[in-house]
Amino acid sequence: MDVNKNSYTFMFASVMVVVVAVALSWAATSLKPAQEKNVEQEKKQNILSSIEIETTREKAEELYPEYVTEALVISDNQLKEGVDAFTIDMAKEIGKPIDERSAPLYIASKDGKTYFIIPLRGQGLWGPIWGYISLEQDLSTIYGAVFDHQKETPGLGAEIKFPVFTEQFKGKEILNENGELVGIDVRKGDAEEYNEVDGIGGGTITSDGVEAMISENLQAYIPFLKDYIRNNTTSGAEL
């Protein structure tokens, strides 16, 4: 075969395209289980972190069942049977009307106390933001919070993932004295009220995104949780 002919060049290029496509397909298929495992471990790590159990991603696999006692799915203030809470894609659910969402809820036990862990999903300045908050049994007091982002600006909006921001949420309350959901006010300085935290300097839009994310997501949980507490507590006893 004359390797200088255009037909040879075309044939060679065609063969290489096929070879590369097959190689990429094989790589994607073979790596998918490992990628899915990493995502699962990171999710468990973040859930544990929301109740102040700090661990590695690998160790989270072992610790998760020690603390998380139930994983429920709520839809329109009712338990939804036959759905694995861990597999729900919050990115898809957040776009649905509240009464049509499948909302995962994790119940954890630590040092004899019960905590309700709620996944969050929202929008920052440049892309999605997400996280978890844990509530104490009064359903108002935040025990812990974890946030992360896809592509917020380093040193500005990206600061939502660091303790200097997340630790402010501990002890803050999401319900007012009448038991109504008020969420968390992420404000610029002078955060003094029971439901206020300081926003990120220079990261106003991301801070506003965190505030909106918490309020928007909690609406799918609070009515159910109030009933859950009522039905699972007898004579004022702890869960």
C-alpha atoms as a PDB file:
ATOM      1  CA  MET A   1       0.000   0.000   0.000  1.00  0.00           C
ATOM      2  CA  ASP A   2       1.258   3.447  -0.909  1.00  0.00           C
ATOM      3  CA  VAL A   3       1.415   5.264   2.382  1.00  0.00           C
ATOM      4  CA  ASN A   4       1.685   8.583   0.592  1.00  0.00           C
ATOM      5  CA  LYS A   5      -1.787   8.328  -0.909  1.00  0.00           C
ATOM      6  CA  ASN A   6      -4.678  10.283   0.562  1.00  0.00           C
ATOM      7  CA  SER A   7      -6.671   7.060   0.860  1.00  0.00           C
ATOM      8  CA  TYR A   8      -4.088   5.634   3.255  1.00  0.00           C
ATOM      9  CA  THR A   9      -4.154   8.777   5.378  1.00  0.00           C
ATOM     10  CA  PHE A  10      -7.946   8.652   5.540  1.00  0.00           C
ATOM     11  CA  MET A  11      -7.954   4.954   6.433  1.00  0.00           C
ATOM     12  CA  PHE A  12      -5.312   5.426   9.124  1.00  0.00           C
ATOM     13  CA  ALA A  13      -7.213   8.342  10.656  1.00  0.00           C
ATOM     14  CA  SER A  14     -10.450   6.351  10.632  1.00  0.00           C
ATOM     15  CA  VAL A  15      -8.823   3.394  12.354  1.00  0.00           C
ATOM     16  CA  MET A  16      -7.301   5.663  15.011  1.00  0.00           C
ATOM     17  CA  VAL A  17     -10.673   7.299  15.679  1.00  0.00           C
ATOM     18  CA  VAL A  18     -12.214   3.886  16.281  1.00  0.00           C
ATOM     19  CA  VAL A  19      -9.314   2.755  18.483  1.00  0.00           C
ATOM     20  CA  VAL A  20      -9.432   5.914  20.604  1.00  0.00           C
ATOM     21  CA  ALA A  21     -13.226   5.709  20.934  1.00  0.00           C
ATOM     22  CA  VAL A  22     -13.024   2.100  22.097  1.00  0.00           C
ATOM     23  CA  ALA A  23     -10.250   2.956  24.555  1.00  0.00           C
ATOM     24  CA  LEU A  24     -12.195   5.882  26.022  1.00  0.00           C
ATOM     25  CA  SER A  25     -15.350   3.809  26.303  1.00  0.00           C
ATOM     26  CA  TRP A  26     -13.461   1.044  28.082  1.00  0.00           C
ATOM     27  CA  ALA A  27     -11.812   3.527  30.453  1.00  0.00           C
ATOM     28  CA  ALA A  28     -15.137   5.171  31.309  1.00  0.00           C
ATOM     29  CA  THR A  29     -16.805   1.811  31.919  1.00  0.00           C
ATOM     30  CA  SER A  30     -13.981   0.372  33.994  1.00  0.00           C
ATOM     31  CA  LEU A  31     -13.569   3.505  36.126  1.00  0.00           C
ATOM     32  CA  LYS A  32     -17.277   4.052  36.800  1.00  0.00           C
ATOM     33  CA  PRO A  33     -17.552   1.649  39.787  1.00  0.00           C
ATOM     34  CA  ALA A  34     -14.582   3.301  41.498  1.00  0.00           C
ATOM     35  CA  GLN A  35     -15.989   6.765  40.837  1.00  0.00           C
ATOM     36  CA  GLU A  36     -19.394   5.800  42.209  1.00  0.00           C
ATOM     37  CA  LYS A  37     -17.728   4.322  45.298  1.00  0.00           C
ATOM     38  CA  ASN A  38     -15.818   7.550  45.903  1.00  0.00           C
ATOM     39  CA  VAL A  39     -19.010   9.602  45.614  1.00  0.00           C
ATOM     40  CA  GLU A  40     -20.786   7.284  48.066  1.00  0.00           C
ATOM     41  CA  GLN A  41     -17.957   7.482  50.590  1.00  0.00           C
ATOM     42  CA  GLU A  42     -17.739  11.262  50.339  1.00  0.00           C
ATOM     43  CA  LYS A  43     -21.483  11.537  50.879  1.00  0.00           C
ATOM     44  CA  LYS A  44     -21.256   9.420  54.021  1.00  0.00           C
ATOM     45  CA  GLN A  45     -18.290  11.477  55.187  1.00  0.00           C
ATOM     46  CA  ASN A  46     -20.281  14.714  54.825  1.00  0.00           C
ATOM     47  CA  ILE A  47     -23.320  13.267  56.584  1.00  0.00           C
ATOM     48  CA  LEU A  48     -21.125  12.272  59.517  1.00  0.00           C
ATOM     49  CA  SER A  49     -19.381  15.638  59.500  1.00  0.00           C
ATOM     50  CA  SER A  50     -22.750  17.349  59.992  1.00  0.00           C
ATOM     51  CA  ILE A  51     -22.954  15.699  63.428  1.00  0.00           C
ATOM     52  CA  GLU A  52     -19.307  16.515  64.127  1.00  0.00           C
ATOM     53  CA  ILE A  53     -17.883  13.085  63.394  1.00  0.00           C
ATOM     54  CA  GLU A  54     -14.735  13.952  61.479  1.00  0.00           C
ATOM     55  CA  THR A  55     -13.228  11.089  59.526  1.00  0.00           C
ATOM     56  CA  THR A  56     -11.575  10.170  56.262  1.00  0.00           C
ATOM     57  CA  ARG A  57     -13.588   9.218  53.226  1.00  0.00           C
ATOM     58  CA  GLU A  58     -12.482   5.594  53.519  1.00  0.00           C
ATOM     59  CA  LYS A  59     -13.189   5.376  57.263  1.00  0.00           C
ATOM     60  CA  ALA A  60     -16.649   6.899  56.760  1.00  0.00           C
ATOM     61  CA  GLU A  61     -17.768   3.640  55.179  1.00  0.00           C
ATOM     62  CA  GLU A  62     -17.194   1.873  58.496  1.00  0.00           C
ATOM     63  CA  LEU A  63     -18.480   4.612  60.816  1.00  0.00           C
ATOM     64  CA  TYR A  64     -21.643   5.498  58.913  1.00  0.00           C
ATOM     65  CA  PRO A  65     -23.808   2.577  60.145  1.00  0.00           C
ATOM     66  CA  GLU A  66     -22.619   3.161  63.709  1.00  0.00           C
ATOM     67  CA  TYR A  67     -24.285   6.585  63.799  1.00  0.00           C
ATOM     68  CA  VAL A  68     -26.952   6.721  61.091  1.00  0.00           C
ATOM     69  CA  THR A  69     -29.843   4.609  62.331  1.00  0.00           C
ATOM     70  CA  GLU A  70     -32.485   5.403  59.707  1.00  0.00           C
ATOM     71  CA  ALA A  71     -32.650   6.769  56.169  1.00  0.00           C
ATOM     72  CA  LEU A  72     -36.142   7.887  55.207  1.00  0.00           C
ATOM     73  CA  VAL A  73     -37.708   9.475  52.149  1.00  0.00           C
ATOM     74  CA  ILE A  74     -40.380  12.147  52.553  1.00  0.00           C
ATOM     75  CA  SER A  75     -42.814  13.232  49.862  1.00  0.00           C
ATOM     76  CA  ASP A  76     -45.635  15.689  50.509  1.00  0.00           C
ATOM     77  CA  ASN A  77     -45.148  15.323  54.296  1.00  0.00           C
ATOM     78  CA  GLN A  78     -45.543  11.545  54.127  1.00  0.00           C
ATOM     79  CA  LEU A  79     -43.121   8.636  54.238  1.00  0.00           C
ATOM     80  CA  LYS A  80     -42.399   7.307  50.772  1.00  0.00           C
ATOM     81  CA  GLU A  81     -41.887   3.566  50.808  1.00  0.00           C
ATOM     82  CA  GLY A  82     -39.668   1.514  48.518  1.00  0.00           C
ATOM     83  CA  VAL A  83     -37.173   4.283  47.743  1.00  0.00           C
ATOM     84  CA  ASP A  84     -33.530   4.265  48.810  1.00  0.00           C
ATOM     85  CA  ALA A  85     -32.810   7.658  50.378  1.00  0.00           C
ATOM     86  CA  PHE A  86     -29.127   7.388  49.583  1.00  0.00           C
ATOM     87  CA  THR A  87     -29.697   7.155  45.824  1.00  0.00           C
ATOM     88  CA  ILE A  88     -31.912  10.230  45.462  1.00  0.00           C
ATOM     89  CA  ASP A  89     -30.439  12.934  43.229  1.00  0.00           C
ATOM     90  CA  MET A  90     -31.037  16.226  45.022  1.00  0.00           C
ATOM     91  CA  ALA A  91     -30.070  18.173  41.893  1.00  0.00           C
ATOM     92  CA  LYS A  92     -33.152  16.754  40.174  1.00  0.00           C
ATOM     93  CA  GLU A  93     -35.488  16.961  43.159  1.00  0.00           C
ATOM     94  CA  ILE A  94     -34.832  20.615  43.942  1.00  0.00           C
ATOM     95  CA  GLY A  95     -36.328  21.618  40.596  1.00  0.00           C
ATOM     96  CA  LYS A  96     -39.686  20.043  41.437  1.00  0.00           C
ATOM     97  CA  PRO A  97     -42.558  21.628  43.398  1.00  0.00           C
ATOM     98  CA  ILE A  98     -42.141  20.958  47.117  1.00  0.00           C
ATOM     99  CA  ASP A  99     -45.117  18.605  47.320  1.00  0.00           C
ATOM    100  CA  GLU A 100     -43.706  16.487  44.480  1.00  0.00           C
ATOM    101  CA  ARG A 101     -40.159  16.079  45.778  1.00  0.00           C
ATOM    102  CA  SER A 102     -38.624  12.957  47.222  1.00  0.00           C
ATOM    103  CA  ALA A 103     -36.656  14.349  50.157  1.00  0.00           C
ATOM    104  CA  PRO A 104     -34.039  12.174  51.916  1.00  0.00           C
ATOM    105  CA  LEU A 105     -33.835  12.360  55.702  1.00  0.00           C
ATOM    106  CA  TYR A 106     -31.119  10.731  57.802  1.00  0.00           C
ATOM    107  CA  ILE A 107     -31.653  10.066  61.499  1.00  0.00           C
ATOM    108  CA  ALA A 108     -28.522   9.670  63.575  1.00  0.00           C
ATOM    109  CA  SER A 109     -27.742   8.813  67.171  1.00  0.00           C
ATOM    110  CA  LYS A 110     -24.706  10.173  68.983  1.00  0.00           C
ATOM    111  CA  ASP A 111     -23.960  10.126  72.696  1.00  0.00           C
ATOM    112  CA  GLY A 112     -27.539   9.124  73.449  1.00  0.00           C
ATOM    113  CA  LYS A 113     -29.067  12.000  71.482  1.00  0.00           C
ATOM    114  CA  THR A 114     -31.023  11.955  68.221  1.00  0.00           C
ATOM    115  CA  TYR A 115     -30.196  14.211  65.296  1.00  0.00           C
ATOM    116  CA  PHE A 116     -32.038  14.808  62.030  1.00  0.00           C
ATOM    117  CA  ILE A 117     -29.737  15.301  59.047  1.00  0.00           C
ATOM    118  CA  ILE A 118     -31.134  17.163  56.055  1.00  0.00           C
ATOM    119  CA  PRO A 119     -29.450  17.319  52.633  1.00  0.00           C
ATOM    120  CA  LEU A 120     -29.363  20.726  50.953  1.00  0.00           C
ATOM    121  CA  ARG A 121     -29.060  21.796  47.326  1.00  0.00           C
ATOM    122  CA  GLY A 122     -29.025  25.310  45.887  1.00  0.00           C
ATOM    123  CA  GLN A 123     -27.352  27.796  43.592  1.00  0.00           C
ATOM    124  CA  GLY A 124     -24.290  29.939  44.207  1.00  0.00           C
ATOM    125  CA  LEU A 125     -22.782  32.634  42.004  1.00  0.00           C
ATOM    126  CA  TRP A 126     -21.126  30.375  39.431  1.00  0.00           C
ATOM    127  CA  GLY A 127     -22.773  27.025  39.935  1.00  0.00           C
ATOM    128  CA  PRO A 128     -24.458  24.581  42.320  1.00  0.00           C
ATOM    129  CA  ILE A 129     -23.890  24.622  46.075  1.00  0.00           C
ATOM    130  CA  TRP A 130     -24.919  21.869  48.463  1.00  0.00           C
ATOM    131  CA  GLY A 131     -24.488  20.538  51.971  1.00  0.00           C
ATOM    132  CA  TYR A 132     -26.063  18.991  55.061  1.00  0.00           C
ATOM    133  CA  ILE A 133     -27.380  20.425  58.300  1.00  0.00           C
ATOM    134  CA  SER A 134     -28.226  18.449  61.407  1.00  0.00           C
ATOM    135  CA  LEU A 135     -31.018  19.505  63.735  1.00  0.00           C
ATOM    136  CA  GLU A 136     -31.365  18.695  67.402  1.00  0.00           C
ATOM    137  CA  GLN A 137     -34.528  17.036  68.654  1.00  0.00           C
ATOM    138  CA  ASP A 138     -36.292  20.367  69.168  1.00  0.00           C
ATOM    139  CA  LEU A 139     -36.207  20.629  65.328  1.00  0.00           C
ATOM    140  CA  SER A 140     -35.035  24.219  65.609  1.00  0.00           C
ATOM    141  CA  THR A 141     -31.463  24.176  66.887  1.00  0.00           C
ATOM    142  CA  ILE A 142     -28.743  23.459  64.352  1.00  0.00           C
ATOM    143  CA  TYR A 143     -26.155  21.026  65.675  1.00  0.00           C
ATOM    144  CA  GLY A 144     -23.810  21.122  62.699  1.00  0.00           C
ATOM    145  CA  ALA A 145     -23.505  22.227  59.083  1.00  0.00           C
ATOM    146  CA  VAL A 146     -21.445  21.223  56.058  1.00  0.00           C
ATOM    147  CA  PHE A 147     -21.385  23.102  52.750  1.00  0.00           C
ATOM    148  CA  ASP A 148     -19.594  22.656  49.449  1.00  0.00           C
ATOM    149  CA  HIS A 149     -19.650  24.083  45.957  1.00  0.00           C
ATOM    150  CA  GLN A 150     -18.817  23.339  42.356  1.00  0.00           C
ATOM    151  CA  LYS A 151     -16.968  26.461  41.230  1.00  0.00           C
ATOM    152  CA  GLU A 152     -17.358  29.402  43.589  1.00  0.00           C
ATOM    153  CA  THR A 153     -14.536  31.948  43.670  1.00  0.00           C
ATOM    154  CA  PRO A 154     -11.553  30.965  45.888  1.00  0.00           C
ATOM    155  CA  GLY A 155     -11.202  33.327  48.832  1.00  0.00           C
ATOM    156  CA  LEU A 156     -14.749  34.586  48.348  1.00  0.00           C
ATOM    157  CA  GLY A 157     -17.800  32.380  47.802  1.00  0.00           C
ATOM    158  CA  ALA A 158     -15.694  29.234  48.105  1.00  0.00           C
ATOM    159  CA  GLU A 159     -15.241  30.041  51.803  1.00  0.00           C
ATOM    160  CA  ILE A 160     -18.640  28.490  52.557  1.00  0.00           C
ATOM    161  CA  LYS A 161     -16.945  25.090  52.895  1.00  0.00           C
ATOM    162  CA  PHE A 162     -14.551  26.131  55.650  1.00  0.00           C
ATOM    163  CA  PRO A 163     -15.096  26.106  59.447  1.00  0.00           C
ATOM    164  CA  VAL A 164     -14.835  29.902  59.714  1.00  0.00           C
ATOM    165  CA  PHE A 165     -18.238  29.963  58.025  1.00  0.00           C
ATOM    166  CA  THR A 166     -19.860  26.635  58.907  1.00  0.00           C
ATOM    167  CA  GLU A 167     -19.155  26.787  62.655  1.00  0.00           C
ATOM    168  CA  GLN A 168     -21.336  29.884  62.959  1.00  0.00           C
ATOM    169  CA  PHE A 169     -24.410  27.756  62.325  1.00  0.00           C
ATOM    170  CA  LYS A 170     -24.024  25.616  65.440  1.00  0.00           C
ATOM    171  CA  GLY A 171     -26.644  26.642  67.994  1.00  0.00           C
ATOM    172  CA  LYS A 172     -28.593  28.856  65.604  1.00  0.00           C
ATOM    173  CA  GLU A 173     -32.335  28.264  65.326  1.00  0.00           C
ATOM    174  CA  ILE A 174     -34.490  27.860  62.227  1.00  0.00           C
ATOM    175  CA  LEU A 175     -37.890  28.231  63.942  1.00  0.00           C
ATOM    176  CA  ASN A 176     -39.271  31.276  65.711  1.00  0.00           C
ATOM    177  CA  GLU A 177     -40.994  31.203  69.106  1.00  0.00           C
ATOM    178  CA  ASN A 178     -44.254  30.220  67.417  1.00  0.00           C
ATOM    179  CA  GLY A 179     -42.653  27.208  65.775  1.00  0.00           C
ATOM    180  CA  GLU A 180     -42.708  28.797  62.327  1.00  0.00           C
ATOM    181  CA  LEU A 181     -39.868  28.253  59.868  1.00  0.00           C
ATOM    182  CA  VAL A 182     -37.710  31.367  59.527  1.00  0.00           C
ATOM    183  CA  GLY A 183     -34.536  29.738  58.232  1.00  0.00           C
ATOM    184  CA  ILE A 184     -31.130  31.341  58.645  1.00  0.00           C
ATOM    185  CA  ASP A 185     -30.378  34.959  57.791  1.00  0.00           C
ATOM    186  CA  VAL A 186     -26.900  35.092  56.235  1.00  0.00           C
ATOM    187  CA  ARG A 187     -26.125  38.776  56.589  1.00  0.00           C
ATOM    188  CA  LYS A 188     -23.200  41.113  56.113  1.00  0.00           C
ATOM    189  CA  GLY A 189     -21.818  41.681  59.602  1.00  0.00           C
ATOM    190  CA  ASP A 190     -23.525  42.204  62.966  1.00  0.00           C
ATOM    191  CA  ALA A 191     -25.132  38.757  63.088  1.00  0.00           C
ATOM    192  CA  GLU A 192     -26.590  38.851  66.584  1.00  0.00           C
ATOM    193  CA  GLU A 193     -30.049  37.308  66.389  1.00  0.00           C
ATOM    194  CA  TYR A 194     -30.905  33.669  67.073  1.00  0.00           C
ATOM    195  CA  ASN A 195     -31.114  32.881  63.348  1.00  0.00           C
ATOM    196  CA  GLU A 196     -28.332  35.081  61.949  1.00  0.00           C
ATOM    197  CA  VAL A 197     -24.795  34.284  60.774  1.00  0.00           C
ATOM    198  CA  ASP A 198     -22.165  36.489  59.148  1.00  0.00           C
ATOM    199  CA  GLY A 199     -21.965  36.193  55.380  1.00  0.00           C
ATOM    200  CA  ILE A 200     -18.781  35.857  53.345  1.00  0.00           C
ATOM    201  CA  GLY A 201     -17.027  39.168  52.705  1.00  0.00           C
ATOM    202  CA  GLY A 202     -17.044  39.732  48.951  1.00  0.00           C
ATOM    203  CA  GLY A 203     -19.211  36.651  48.479  1.00  0.00           C
ATOM    204  CA  THR A 204     -22.654  38.188  48.849  1.00  0.00           C
ATOM    205  CA  ILE A 205     -24.345  36.224  46.081  1.00  0.00           C
ATOM    206  CA  THR A 206     -23.009  32.902  47.374  1.00  0.00           C
ATOM    207  CA  SER A 207     -24.027  33.854  50.923  1.00  0.00           C
ATOM    208  CA  ASP A 208     -27.509  34.691  49.681  1.00  0.00           C
ATOM    209  CA  GLY A 209     -27.511  31.333  47.909  1.00  0.00           C
ATOM    210  CA  VAL A 210     -26.804  29.522  51.188  1.00  0.00           C
ATOM    211  CA  GLU A 211     -29.637  31.403  52.902  1.00  0.00           C
ATOM    212  CA  ALA A 212     -32.078  30.587  50.108  1.00  0.00           C
ATOM    213  CA  MET A 213     -30.900  26.973  49.948  1.00  0.00           C
ATOM    214  CA  ILE A 214     -31.581  26.362  53.637  1.00  0.00           C
ATOM    215  CA  SER A 215     -35.011  27.976  53.586  1.00  0.00           C
ATOM    216  CA  GLU A 216     -36.069  26.304  50.338  1.00  0.00           C
ATOM    217  CA  ASN A 217     -34.992  22.803  51.350  1.00  0.00           C
ATOM    218  CA  LEU A 218     -36.289  22.877  54.925  1.00  0.00           C
ATOM    219  CA  GLN A 219     -39.840  23.528  53.765  1.00  0.00           C
ATOM    220  CA  ALA A 220     -40.044  19.912  52.624  1.00  0.00           C
ATOM    221  CA  TYR A 221     -39.090  18.566  56.071  1.00  0.00           C
ATOM    222  CA  ILE A 222     -40.409  20.556  59.031  1.00  0.00           C
ATOM    223  CA  PRO A 223     -44.111  19.536  58.909  1.00  0.00           C
ATOM    224  CA  PHE A 224     -43.163  15.860  58.649  1.00  0.00           C
ATOM    225  CA  LEU A 225     -40.572  16.116  61.416  1.00  0.00           C
ATOM    226  CA  LYS A 226     -43.041  17.711  63.818  1.00  0.00           C
ATOM    227  CA  ASP A 227     -45.388  14.767  63.290  1.00  0.00           C
ATOM    228  CA  TYR A 228     -42.494  12.318  63.563  1.00  0.00           C
ATOM    229  CA  ILE A 229     -41.454  13.719  66.937  1.00  0.00           C
ATOM    230  CA  ARG A 230     -45.043  13.676  68.166  1.00  0.00           C
ATOM    231  CA  ASN A 231     -45.589  10.070  67.098  1.00  0.00           C
ATOM    232  CA  ASN A 232     -42.277   8.747  68.399  1.00  0.00           C
ATOM    233  CA  THR A 233     -42.185  10.431  71.783  1.00  0.00           C
ATOM    234  CA  THR A 234     -44.272   9.217  74.691  1.00  0.00           C
ATOM    235  CA  SER A 235     -44.812  11.125  77.937  1.00  0.00           C
ATOM    236  CA  GLY A 236     -42.048  13.558  77.020  1.00  0.00           C
ATOM    237  CA  ALA A 237     -39.451  10.801  76.789  1.00  0.00           C
ATOM    238  CA  GLU A 238     -36.473  11.230  74.490  1.00  0.00           C
ATOM    239  CA  LEU A 239     -36.414   9.384  71.192  1.00  0.00           C
END
